[in-house]
Amino acid sequence: MRIVSALAAAVLLVTAACTSDTTASAVGQVTVGNNFFSPGSVSPDGNGVVTWTWNSGGTLHNVTFDDLFPGSGNLGSGSFSRDFTGTNPGPIGYQCTLHPGMAGQVVVP
């Protein structure tokens, strides 16, 4: 029984490691962790800006937008911001092209 429980916990950890926290939403701030964006859904702050801040222990990640807007490039630390002022309302997806399944969205009001 312990082996089954340990195995189930390991599967959950591996699955969560390459996904985003899509249950939460925030305003203007996203953490880039080891193979996840948190939260997975964000809205721009009052100035129309979203900032991604790396907290990945030096592991390279990037923010690449579905709308082909220039992204962050590969970073292991620091931050990247995009101003969404004047962008059409709706969701804009983004992902880390280095880690399949690591994705999120910006919801422009």
PDB file of N, CA and C in Angstrom:
ATOM      1  N   MET A   1       0.820  -1.190   0.000  1.00  0.00           N
ATOM      2  CA  MET A   1       0.000   0.000   0.000  1.00  0.00           C
ATOM      3  C   MET A   1       0.865   1.256   0.000  1.00  0.00           C
ATOM      4  N   ARG A   2       1.957   1.245   0.779  1.00  0.00           N
ATOM      5  CA  ARG A   2       2.845   2.411   0.822  1.00  0.00           C
ATOM      6  C   ARG A   2       3.494   2.662  -0.523  1.00  0.00           C
ATOM      7  N   ILE A   3       3.830   1.603  -1.223  1.00  0.00           N
ATOM      8  CA  ILE A   3       4.457   1.750  -2.540  1.00  0.00           C
ATOM      9  C   ILE A   3       3.482   2.408  -3.504  1.00  0.00           C
ATOM     10  N   VAL A   4       2.227   1.993  -3.487  1.00  0.00           N
ATOM     11  CA  VAL A   4       1.214   2.578  -4.360  1.00  0.00           C
ATOM     12  C   VAL A   4       1.023   4.051  -4.026  1.00  0.00           C
ATOM     13  N   SER A   5       0.948   4.402  -2.751  1.00  0.00           N
ATOM     14  CA  SER A   5       0.783   5.793  -2.347  1.00  0.00           C
ATOM     15  C   SER A   5       1.981   6.629  -2.761  1.00  0.00           C
ATOM     16  N   ALA A   6       3.179   6.102  -2.577  1.00  0.00           N
ATOM     17  CA  ALA A   6       4.393   6.821  -2.959  1.00  0.00           C
ATOM     18  C   ALA A   6       4.447   7.008  -4.463  1.00  0.00           C
ATOM     19  N   LEU A   7       4.053   5.988  -5.209  1.00  0.00           N
ATOM     20  CA  LEU A   7       4.035   6.088  -6.657  1.00  0.00           C
ATOM     21  C   LEU A   7       3.021   7.123  -7.131  1.00  0.00           C
ATOM     22  N   ALA A   8       1.852   7.135  -6.546  1.00  0.00           N
ATOM     23  CA  ALA A   8       0.821   8.113  -6.911  1.00  0.00           C
ATOM     24  C   ALA A   8       1.302   9.530  -6.616  1.00  0.00           C
ATOM     25  N   ALA A   9       1.961   9.723  -5.483  1.00  0.00           N
ATOM     26  CA  ALA A   9       2.488  11.044  -5.140  1.00  0.00           C
ATOM     27  C   ALA A   9       3.559  11.469  -6.123  1.00  0.00           C
ATOM     28  N   ALA A  10       4.413  10.552  -6.547  1.00  0.00           N
ATOM     29  CA  ALA A  10       5.468  10.873  -7.510  1.00  0.00           C
ATOM     30  C   ALA A  10       4.877  11.268  -8.854  1.00  0.00           C
ATOM     31  N   VAL A  11       3.846  10.562  -9.300  1.00  0.00           N
ATOM     32  CA  VAL A  11       3.186  10.903 -10.568  1.00  0.00           C
ATOM     33  C   VAL A  11       2.588  12.294 -10.485  1.00  0.00           C
ATOM     34  N   LEU A  12       1.950  12.620  -9.372  1.00  0.00           N
ATOM     35  CA  LEU A  12       1.373  13.954  -9.215  1.00  0.00           C
ATOM     36  C   LEU A  12       2.446  15.025  -9.242  1.00  0.00           C
ATOM     37  N   LEU A  13       3.574  14.788  -8.606  1.00  0.00           N
ATOM     38  CA  LEU A  13       4.659  15.773  -8.601  1.00  0.00           C
ATOM     39  C   LEU A  13       5.223  15.981  -9.992  1.00  0.00           C
ATOM     40  N   VAL A  14       5.442  14.915 -10.731  1.00  0.00           N
ATOM     41  CA  VAL A  14       5.976  15.029 -12.084  1.00  0.00           C
ATOM     42  C   VAL A  14       4.982  15.748 -12.979  1.00  0.00           C
ATOM     43  N   THR A  15       3.706  15.429 -12.870  1.00  0.00           N
ATOM     44  CA  THR A  15       2.687  16.094 -13.665  1.00  0.00           C
ATOM     45  C   THR A  15       2.632  17.573 -13.344  1.00  0.00           C
ATOM     46  N   ALA A  16       2.676  17.933 -12.087  1.00  0.00           N
ATOM     47  CA  ALA A  16       2.609  19.336 -11.683  1.00  0.00           C
ATOM     48  C   ALA A  16       3.859  20.100 -12.069  1.00  0.00           C
ATOM     49  N   ALA A  17       4.987  19.429 -12.203  1.00  0.00           N
ATOM     50  CA  ALA A  17       6.251  20.111 -12.471  1.00  0.00           C
ATOM     51  C   ALA A  17       6.284  20.783 -13.829  1.00  0.00           C
ATOM     52  N   CYS A  18       5.525  20.320 -14.788  1.00  0.00           N
ATOM     53  CA  CYS A  18       5.570  20.884 -16.129  1.00  0.00           C
ATOM     54  C   CYS A  18       4.260  21.565 -16.508  1.00  0.00           C
ATOM     55  N   THR A  19       3.536  22.052 -15.545  1.00  0.00           N
ATOM     56  CA  THR A  19       2.286  22.725 -15.829  1.00  0.00           C
ATOM     57  C   THR A  19       2.265  24.070 -15.146  1.00  0.00           C
ATOM     58  N   SER A  20       1.176  24.775 -15.289  1.00  0.00           N
ATOM     59  CA  SER A  20       1.000  26.061 -14.645  1.00  0.00           C
ATOM     60  C   SER A  20      -0.134  25.978 -13.644  1.00  0.00           C
ATOM     61  N   ASP A  21      -0.096  26.862 -12.683  1.00  0.00           N
ATOM     62  CA  ASP A  21      -1.158  26.948 -11.697  1.00  0.00           C
ATOM     63  C   ASP A  21      -2.304  27.717 -12.329  1.00  0.00           C
ATOM     64  N   THR A  22      -3.255  26.994 -12.944  1.00  0.00           N
ATOM     65  CA  THR A  22      -4.341  27.650 -13.649  1.00  0.00           C
ATOM     66  C   THR A  22      -5.548  27.907 -12.750  1.00  0.00           C
ATOM     67  N   THR A  23      -5.468  27.498 -11.491  1.00  0.00           N
ATOM     68  CA  THR A  23      -6.601  27.711 -10.603  1.00  0.00           C
ATOM     69  C   THR A  23      -6.601  29.117 -10.024  1.00  0.00           C
ATOM     70  N   ALA A  24      -5.457  29.766 -10.035  1.00  0.00           N
ATOM     71  CA  ALA A  24      -5.364  31.102  -9.457  1.00  0.00           C
ATOM     72  C   ALA A  24      -5.251  32.132 -10.569  1.00  0.00           C
ATOM     73  N   SER A  25      -5.673  33.332 -10.277  1.00  0.00           N
ATOM     74  CA  SER A  25      -5.421  34.422 -11.203  1.00  0.00           C
ATOM     75  C   SER A  25      -4.917  35.595 -10.389  1.00  0.00           C
ATOM     76  N   ALA A  26      -4.159  36.434 -11.029  1.00  0.00           N
ATOM     77  CA  ALA A  26      -3.551  37.555 -10.334  1.00  0.00           C
ATOM     78  C   ALA A  26      -3.560  38.760 -11.245  1.00  0.00           C
ATOM     79  N   VAL A  27      -3.076  39.857 -10.707  1.00  0.00           N
ATOM     80  CA  VAL A  27      -2.990  41.088 -11.472  1.00  0.00           C
ATOM     81  C   VAL A  27      -1.523  41.478 -11.591  1.00  0.00           C
ATOM     82  N   GLY A  28      -1.015  41.444 -12.805  1.00  0.00           N
ATOM     83  CA  GLY A  28       0.273  42.027 -13.129  1.00  0.00           C
ATOM     84  C   GLY A  28       1.533  41.282 -12.785  1.00  0.00           C
ATOM     85  N   GLN A  29       1.501  40.196 -12.042  1.00  0.00           N
ATOM     86  CA  GLN A  29       2.725  39.515 -11.615  1.00  0.00           C
ATOM     87  C   GLN A  29       2.656  38.010 -11.849  1.00  0.00           C
ATOM     88  N   VAL A  30       3.704  37.458 -12.462  1.00  0.00           N
ATOM     89  CA  VAL A  30       3.809  36.012 -12.671  1.00  0.00           C
ATOM     90  C   VAL A  30       5.197  35.574 -12.220  1.00  0.00           C
ATOM     91  N   THR A  31       5.266  34.484 -11.474  1.00  0.00           N
ATOM     92  CA  THR A  31       6.539  33.881 -11.103  1.00  0.00           C
ATOM     93  C   THR A  31       6.867  32.800 -12.115  1.00  0.00           C
ATOM     94  N   VAL A  32       8.106  32.822 -12.596  1.00  0.00           N
ATOM     95  CA  VAL A  32       8.603  31.773 -13.485  1.00  0.00           C
ATOM     96  C   VAL A  32       9.444  30.846 -12.615  1.00  0.00           C
ATOM     97  N   GLY A  33       8.917  29.656 -12.343  1.00  0.00           N
ATOM     98  CA  GLY A  33       9.617  28.691 -11.504  1.00  0.00           C
ATOM     99  C   GLY A  33      10.179  27.566 -12.335  1.00  0.00           C
ATOM    100  N   ASN A  34      10.623  26.536 -11.659  1.00  0.00           N
ATOM    101  CA  ASN A  34      11.148  25.376 -12.373  1.00  0.00           C
ATOM    102  C   ASN A  34      10.014  24.618 -13.027  1.00  0.00           C
ATOM    103  N   ASN A  35       9.800  24.924 -14.286  1.00  0.00           N
ATOM    104  CA  ASN A  35       8.809  24.291 -15.156  1.00  0.00           C
ATOM    105  C   ASN A  35       7.370  24.646 -14.827  1.00  0.00           C
ATOM    106  N   PHE A  36       7.137  25.847 -14.287  1.00  0.00           N
ATOM    107  CA  PHE A  36       5.768  26.317 -14.078  1.00  0.00           C
ATOM    108  C   PHE A  36       5.721  27.841 -14.094  1.00  0.00           C
ATOM    109  N   PHE A  37       4.554  28.363 -14.452  1.00  0.00           N
ATOM    110  CA  PHE A  37       4.214  29.769 -14.300  1.00  0.00           C
ATOM    111  C   PHE A  37       3.174  29.839 -13.187  1.00  0.00           C
ATOM    112  N   SER A  38       3.318  30.780 -12.275  1.00  0.00           N
ATOM    113  CA  SER A  38       2.341  30.908 -11.199  1.00  0.00           C
ATOM    114  C   SER A  38       2.031  32.378 -10.957  1.00  0.00           C
ATOM    115  N   PRO A  39       0.774  32.748 -11.068  1.00  0.00           N
ATOM    116  CA  PRO A  39      -0.371  31.924 -11.468  1.00  0.00           C
ATOM    117  C   PRO A  39      -0.354  31.674 -12.969  1.00  0.00           C
ATOM    118  N   GLY A  40      -1.170  30.747 -13.411  1.00  0.00           N
ATOM    119  CA  GLY A  40      -1.247  30.421 -14.829  1.00  0.00           C
ATOM    120  C   GLY A  40      -2.090  31.397 -15.619  1.00  0.00           C
ATOM    121  N   SER A  41      -2.915  32.172 -14.936  1.00  0.00           N
ATOM    122  CA  SER A  41      -3.765  33.164 -15.586  1.00  0.00           C
ATOM    123  C   SER A  41      -3.574  34.492 -14.867  1.00  0.00           C
ATOM    124  N   VAL A  42      -3.294  35.538 -15.630  1.00  0.00           N
ATOM    125  CA  VAL A  42      -3.001  36.844 -15.050  1.00  0.00           C
ATOM    126  C   VAL A  42      -3.655  37.933 -15.890  1.00  0.00           C
ATOM    127  N   SER A  43      -4.040  39.007 -15.251  1.00  0.00           N
ATOM    128  CA  SER A  43      -4.536  40.200 -15.944  1.00  0.00           C
ATOM    129  C   SER A  43      -3.520  41.318 -15.766  1.00  0.00           C
ATOM    130  N   PRO A  44      -3.423  42.234 -16.716  1.00  0.00           N
ATOM    131  CA  PRO A  44      -2.501  43.356 -16.564  1.00  0.00           C
ATOM    132  C   PRO A  44      -2.853  44.209 -15.344  1.00  0.00           C
ATOM    133  N   ASP A  45      -1.842  44.865 -14.772  1.00  0.00           N
ATOM    134  CA  ASP A  45      -2.084  45.766 -13.647  1.00  0.00           C
ATOM    135  C   ASP A  45      -2.754  47.051 -14.146  1.00  0.00           C
ATOM    136  N   GLY A  46      -2.954  48.027 -13.287  1.00  0.00           N
ATOM    137  CA  GLY A  46      -3.633  49.274 -13.637  1.00  0.00           C
ATOM    138  C   GLY A  46      -2.948  50.061 -14.733  1.00  0.00           C
ATOM    139  N   ASN A  47      -1.661  49.803 -14.957  1.00  0.00           N
ATOM    140  CA  ASN A  47      -0.916  50.467 -16.031  1.00  0.00           C
ATOM    141  C   ASN A  47      -0.867  49.638 -17.306  1.00  0.00           C
ATOM    142  N   GLY A  48      -1.551  48.489 -17.317  1.00  0.00           N
ATOM    143  CA  GLY A  48      -1.575  47.628 -18.499  1.00  0.00           C
ATOM    144  C   GLY A  48      -0.394  46.680 -18.612  1.00  0.00           C
ATOM    145  N   VAL A  49       0.388  46.538 -17.536  1.00  0.00           N
ATOM    146  CA  VAL A  49       1.642  45.784 -17.589  1.00  0.00           C
ATOM    147  C   VAL A  49       1.537  44.451 -16.838  1.00  0.00           C
ATOM    148  N   VAL A  50       2.192  43.439 -17.394  1.00  0.00           N
ATOM    149  CA  VAL A  50       2.408  42.169 -16.699  1.00  0.00           C
ATOM    150  C   VAL A  50       3.914  41.958 -16.626  1.00  0.00           C
ATOM    151  N   THR A  51       4.397  41.549 -15.450  1.00  0.00           N
ATOM    152  CA  THR A  51       5.817  41.286 -15.245  1.00  0.00           C
ATOM    153  C   THR A  51       6.016  39.837 -14.825  1.00  0.00           C
ATOM    154  N   TRP A  52       6.912  39.155 -15.526  1.00  0.00           N
ATOM    155  CA  TRP A  52       7.312  37.789 -15.195  1.00  0.00           C
ATOM    156  C   TRP A  52       8.643  37.882 -14.461  1.00  0.00           C
ATOM    157  N   THR A  53       8.746  37.249 -13.294  1.00  0.00           N
ATOM    158  CA  THR A  53       9.964  37.280 -12.494  1.00  0.00           C
ATOM    159  C   THR A  53      10.480  35.863 -12.305  1.00  0.00           C
ATOM    160  N   TRP A  54      11.744  35.653 -12.673  1.00  0.00           N
ATOM    161  CA  TRP A  54      12.345  34.326 -12.607  1.00  0.00           C
ATOM    162  C   TRP A  54      12.724  33.978 -11.177  1.00  0.00           C
ATOM    163  N   ASN A  55      12.304  32.792 -10.765  1.00  0.00           N
ATOM    164  CA  ASN A  55      12.664  32.207  -9.479  1.00  0.00           C
ATOM    165  C   ASN A  55      12.899  30.718  -9.729  1.00  0.00           C
ATOM    166  N   SER A  56      13.829  30.457 -10.642  1.00  0.00           N
ATOM    167  CA  SER A  56      14.029  29.088 -11.128  1.00  0.00           C
ATOM    168  C   SER A  56      15.413  28.542 -10.798  1.00  0.00           C
ATOM    169  N   GLY A  57      16.121  29.195  -9.899  1.00  0.00           N
ATOM    170  CA  GLY A  57      17.433  28.702  -9.509  1.00  0.00           C
ATOM    171  C   GLY A  57      18.432  28.664 -10.652  1.00  0.00           C
ATOM    172  N   GLY A  58      18.279  29.551 -11.618  1.00  0.00           N
ATOM    173  CA  GLY A  58      19.209  29.618 -12.745  1.00  0.00           C
ATOM    174  C   GLY A  58      18.806  28.787 -13.948  1.00  0.00           C
ATOM    175  N   THR A  59      17.773  27.962 -13.813  1.00  0.00           N
ATOM    176  CA  THR A  59      17.302  27.169 -14.946  1.00  0.00           C
ATOM    177  C   THR A  59      16.723  28.097 -16.004  1.00  0.00           C
ATOM    178  N   LEU A  60      17.108  27.895 -17.263  1.00  0.00           N
ATOM    179  CA  LEU A  60      16.622  28.752 -18.344  1.00  0.00           C
ATOM    180  C   LEU A  60      15.160  28.463 -18.675  1.00  0.00           C
ATOM    181  N   HIS A  61      14.398  29.539 -18.826  1.00  0.00           N
ATOM    182  CA  HIS A  61      13.005  29.503 -19.279  1.00  0.00           C
ATOM    183  C   HIS A  61      12.790  30.733 -20.145  1.00  0.00           C
ATOM    184  N   ASN A  62      11.694  30.733 -20.905  1.00  0.00           N
ATOM    185  CA  ASN A  62      11.348  31.913 -21.690  1.00  0.00           C
ATOM    186  C   ASN A  62       9.850  32.125 -21.674  1.00  0.00           C
ATOM    187  N   VAL A  63       9.444  33.317 -22.081  1.00  0.00           N
ATOM    188  CA  VAL A  63       8.032  33.655 -22.261  1.00  0.00           C
ATOM    189  C   VAL A  63       7.870  33.942 -23.750  1.00  0.00           C
ATOM    190  N   THR A  64       7.133  33.055 -24.442  1.00  0.00           N
ATOM    191  CA  THR A  64       6.905  33.178 -25.876  1.00  0.00           C
ATOM    192  C   THR A  64       5.400  33.275 -26.100  1.00  0.00           C
ATOM    193  N   PHE A  65       4.958  34.369 -26.730  1.00  0.00           N
ATOM    194  CA  PHE A  65       3.535  34.664 -26.874  1.00  0.00           C
ATOM    195  C   PHE A  65       2.929  34.047 -28.126  1.00  0.00           C
ATOM    196  N   ASP A  66       1.665  33.605 -28.006  1.00  0.00           N
ATOM    197  CA  ASP A  66       0.921  33.068 -29.146  1.00  0.00           C
ATOM    198  C   ASP A  66       0.661  34.134 -30.210  1.00  0.00           C
ATOM    199  N   ASP A  67       0.597  35.421 -29.803  1.00  0.00           N
ATOM    200  CA  ASP A  67       0.324  36.489 -30.764  1.00  0.00           C
ATOM    201  C   ASP A  67       1.600  36.985 -31.461  1.00  0.00           C
ATOM    202  N   LEU A  68       2.703  36.264 -31.280  1.00  0.00           N
ATOM    203  CA  LEU A  68       3.990  36.531 -31.928  1.00  0.00           C
ATOM    204  C   LEU A  68       4.649  37.837 -31.494  1.00  0.00           C
ATOM    205  N   PHE A  69       4.141  38.472 -30.440  1.00  0.00           N
ATOM    206  CA  PHE A  69       4.781  39.657 -29.880  1.00  0.00           C
ATOM    207  C   PHE A  69       6.148  39.227 -29.343  1.00  0.00           C
ATOM    208  N   PRO A  70       7.183  40.065 -29.460  1.00  0.00           N
ATOM    209  CA  PRO A  70       8.503  39.654 -28.948  1.00  0.00           C
ATOM    210  C   PRO A  70       8.445  39.243 -27.477  1.00  0.00           C
ATOM    211  N   GLY A  71       9.054  38.115 -27.182  1.00  0.00           N
ATOM    212  CA  GLY A  71       9.044  37.576 -25.834  1.00  0.00           C
ATOM    213  C   GLY A  71      10.324  37.887 -25.077  1.00  0.00           C
ATOM    214  N   SER A  72      10.552  37.124 -24.048  1.00  0.00           N
ATOM    215  CA  SER A  72      11.638  37.401 -23.122  1.00  0.00           C
ATOM    216  C   SER A  72      12.999  36.910 -23.584  1.00  0.00           C
ATOM    217  N   GLY A  73      13.035  35.925 -24.471  1.00  0.00           N
ATOM    218  CA  GLY A  73      14.288  35.230 -24.726  1.00  0.00           C
ATOM    219  C   GLY A  73      14.559  34.295 -23.555  1.00  0.00           C
ATOM    220  N   ASN A  74      15.611  33.530 -23.635  1.00  0.00           N
ATOM    221  CA  ASN A  74      15.938  32.562 -22.585  1.00  0.00           C
ATOM    222  C   ASN A  74      16.631  33.275 -21.427  1.00  0.00           C
ATOM    223  N   LEU A  75      16.042  33.154 -20.230  1.00  0.00           N
ATOM    224  CA  LEU A  75      16.588  33.775 -19.025  1.00  0.00           C
ATOM    225  C   LEU A  75      16.652  32.760 -17.896  1.00  0.00           C
ATOM    226  N   GLY A  76      17.631  32.921 -17.020  1.00  0.00           N
ATOM    227  CA  GLY A  76      17.740  32.090 -15.832  1.00  0.00           C
ATOM    228  C   GLY A  76      17.479  32.883 -14.564  1.00  0.00           C
ATOM    229  N   SER A  77      17.369  34.211 -14.700  1.00  0.00           N
ATOM    230  CA  SER A  77      17.080  35.100 -13.567  1.00  0.00           C
ATOM    231  C   SER A  77      16.601  36.435 -14.118  1.00  0.00           C
ATOM    232  N   GLY A  78      16.182  37.309 -13.224  1.00  0.00           N
ATOM    233  CA  GLY A  78      15.728  38.634 -13.646  1.00  0.00           C
ATOM    234  C   GLY A  78      14.240  38.682 -13.884  1.00  0.00           C
ATOM    235  N   SER A  79      13.834  39.623 -14.723  1.00  0.00           N
ATOM    236  CA  SER A  79      12.406  39.780 -15.008  1.00  0.00           C
ATOM    237  C   SER A  79      12.209  40.289 -16.430  1.00  0.00           C
ATOM    238  N   PHE A  80      10.969  40.180 -16.890  1.00  0.00           N
ATOM    239  CA  PHE A  80      10.556  40.614 -18.214  1.00  0.00           C
ATOM    240  C   PHE A  80       9.158  41.204 -18.084  1.00  0.00           C
ATOM    241  N   SER A  81       8.916  42.354 -18.700  1.00  0.00           N
ATOM    242  CA  SER A  81       7.589  42.988 -18.654  1.00  0.00           C
ATOM    243  C   SER A  81       7.075  43.236 -20.054  1.00  0.00           C
ATOM    244  N   ARG A  82       5.753  43.186 -20.170  1.00  0.00           N
ATOM    245  CA  ARG A  82       5.077  43.545 -21.421  1.00  0.00           C
ATOM    246  C   ARG A  82       3.899  44.442 -21.092  1.00  0.00           C
ATOM    247  N   ASP A  83       3.753  45.500 -21.867  1.00  0.00           N
ATOM    248  CA  ASP A  83       2.636  46.433 -21.723  1.00  0.00           C
ATOM    249  C   ASP A  83       1.524  45.989 -22.676  1.00  0.00           C
ATOM    250  N   PHE A  84       0.351  45.699 -22.138  1.00  0.00           N
ATOM    251  CA  PHE A  84      -0.784  45.233 -22.936  1.00  0.00           C
ATOM    252  C   PHE A  84      -1.770  46.358 -23.255  1.00  0.00           C
ATOM    253  N   THR A  85      -1.401  47.612 -22.984  1.00  0.00           N
ATOM    254  CA  THR A  85      -2.264  48.751 -23.303  1.00  0.00           C
ATOM    255  C   THR A  85      -2.571  48.752 -24.793  1.00  0.00           C
ATOM    256  N   GLY A  86      -3.840  48.876 -25.145  1.00  0.00           N
ATOM    257  CA  GLY A  86      -4.252  48.918 -26.545  1.00  0.00           C
ATOM    258  C   GLY A  86      -4.409  47.554 -27.189  1.00  0.00           C
ATOM    259  N   THR A  87      -4.155  46.490 -26.445  1.00  0.00           N
ATOM    260  CA  THR A  87      -4.309  45.132 -26.969  1.00  0.00           C
ATOM    261  C   THR A  87      -5.781  44.757 -26.945  1.00  0.00           C
ATOM    262  N   ASN A  88      -6.233  44.052 -27.976  1.00  0.00           N
ATOM    263  CA  ASN A  88      -7.634  43.619 -28.021  1.00  0.00           C
ATOM    264  C   ASN A  88      -7.969  42.774 -26.796  1.00  0.00           C
ATOM    265  N   PRO A  89      -9.179  42.967 -26.234  1.00  0.00           N
ATOM    266  CA  PRO A  89      -9.589  42.172 -25.068  1.00  0.00           C
ATOM    267  C   PRO A  89      -9.605  40.677 -25.384  1.00  0.00           C
ATOM    268  N   GLY A  90      -9.356  39.902 -24.349  1.00  0.00           N
ATOM    269  CA  GLY A  90      -9.391  38.446 -24.482  1.00  0.00           C
ATOM    270  C   GLY A  90      -8.117  37.819 -23.987  1.00  0.00           C
ATOM    271  N   PRO A  91      -8.058  36.494 -24.038  1.00  0.00           N
ATOM    272  CA  PRO A  91      -6.860  35.790 -23.558  1.00  0.00           C
ATOM    273  C   PRO A  91      -5.754  35.767 -24.612  1.00  0.00           C
ATOM    274  N   ILE A  92      -4.538  35.907 -24.143  1.00  0.00           N
ATOM    275  CA  ILE A  92      -3.350  35.750 -24.987  1.00  0.00           C
ATOM    276  C   ILE A  92      -2.494  34.677 -24.317  1.00  0.00           C
ATOM    277  N   GLY A  93      -2.317  33.587 -25.010  1.00  0.00           N
ATOM    278  CA  GLY A  93      -1.533  32.494 -24.461  1.00  0.00           C
ATOM    279  C   GLY A  93      -0.043  32.758 -24.558  1.00  0.00           C
ATOM    280  N   TYR A  94       0.703  32.126 -23.666  1.00  0.00           N
ATOM    281  CA  TYR A  94       2.160  32.155 -23.730  1.00  0.00           C
ATOM    282  C   TYR A  94       2.687  30.838 -23.193  1.00  0.00           C
ATOM    283  N   GLN A  95       3.932  30.529 -23.519  1.00  0.00           N
ATOM    284  CA  GLN A  95       4.537  29.300 -23.054  1.00  0.00           C
ATOM    285  C   GLN A  95       6.042  29.456 -23.001  1.00  0.00           C
ATOM    286  N   CYS A  96       6.671  28.490 -22.344  1.00  0.00           N
ATOM    287  CA  CYS A  96       8.127  28.352 -22.374  1.00  0.00           C
ATOM    288  C   CYS A  96       8.414  27.315 -23.450  1.00  0.00           C
ATOM    289  N   THR A  97       9.103  27.719 -24.500  1.00  0.00           N
ATOM    290  CA  THR A  97       9.369  26.793 -25.600  1.00  0.00           C
ATOM    291  C   THR A  97      10.427  25.757 -25.241  1.00  0.00           C
ATOM    292  N   LEU A  98      11.119  25.943 -24.123  1.00  0.00           N
ATOM    293  CA  LEU A  98      12.124  24.975 -23.681  1.00  0.00           C
ATOM    294  C   LEU A  98      11.507  23.820 -22.902  1.00  0.00           C
ATOM    295  N   HIS A  99      10.281  24.021 -22.384  1.00  0.00           N
ATOM    296  CA  HIS A  99       9.638  23.018 -21.524  1.00  0.00           C
ATOM    297  C   HIS A  99       8.183  22.817 -21.954  1.00  0.00           C
ATOM    298  N   PRO A 100       7.920  21.853 -22.840  1.00  0.00           N
ATOM    299  CA  PRO A 100       6.554  21.599 -23.303  1.00  0.00           C
ATOM    300  C   PRO A 100       5.593  21.421 -22.119  1.00  0.00           C
ATOM    301  N   GLY A 101       4.443  22.044 -22.234  1.00  0.00           N
ATOM    302  CA  GLY A 101       3.434  21.967 -21.195  1.00  0.00           C
ATOM    303  C   GLY A 101       3.506  23.111 -20.202  1.00  0.00           C
ATOM    304  N   MET A 102       4.584  23.872 -20.230  1.00  0.00           N
ATOM    305  CA  MET A 102       4.727  25.036 -19.332  1.00  0.00           C
ATOM    306  C   MET A 102       4.093  26.227 -20.045  1.00  0.00           C
ATOM    307  N   ALA A 103       2.854  26.563 -19.644  1.00  0.00           N
ATOM    308  CA  ALA A 103       2.085  27.571 -20.362  1.00  0.00           C
ATOM    309  C   ALA A 103       1.202  28.367 -19.415  1.00  0.00           C
ATOM    310  N   GLY A 104       0.753  29.513 -19.889  1.00  0.00           N
ATOM    311  CA  GLY A 104      -0.155  30.355 -19.143  1.00  0.00           C
ATOM    312  C   GLY A 104      -0.914  31.265 -20.092  1.00  0.00           C
ATOM    313  N   GLN A 105      -1.675  32.197 -19.513  1.00  0.00           N
ATOM    314  CA  GLN A 105      -2.397  33.152 -20.338  1.00  0.00           C
ATOM    315  C   GLN A 105      -2.521  34.484 -19.648  1.00  0.00           C
ATOM    316  N   VAL A 106      -2.531  35.540 -20.459  1.00  0.00           N
ATOM    317  CA  VAL A 106      -2.828  36.879 -19.993  1.00  0.00           C
ATOM    318  C   VAL A 106      -4.244  37.171 -20.452  1.00  0.00           C
ATOM    319  N   VAL A 107      -5.124  37.566 -19.538  1.00  0.00           N
ATOM    320  CA  VAL A 107      -6.495  37.903 -19.885  1.00  0.00           C
ATOM    321  C   VAL A 107      -6.610  39.423 -19.899  1.00  0.00           C
ATOM    322  N   VAL A 108      -6.707  39.980 -21.109  1.00  0.00           N
ATOM    323  CA  VAL A 108      -6.798  41.435 -21.268  1.00  0.00           C
ATOM    324  C   VAL A 108      -8.271  41.818 -21.161  1.00  0.00           C
ATOM    325  N   PRO A 109      -8.585  42.719 -20.203  1.00  0.00           N
ATOM    326  CA  PRO A 109      -9.996  43.115 -20.025  1.00  0.00           C
ATOM    327  C   PRO A 109     -10.514  43.973 -21.190  1.00  0.00           C
TER     328      PRO A 109
END
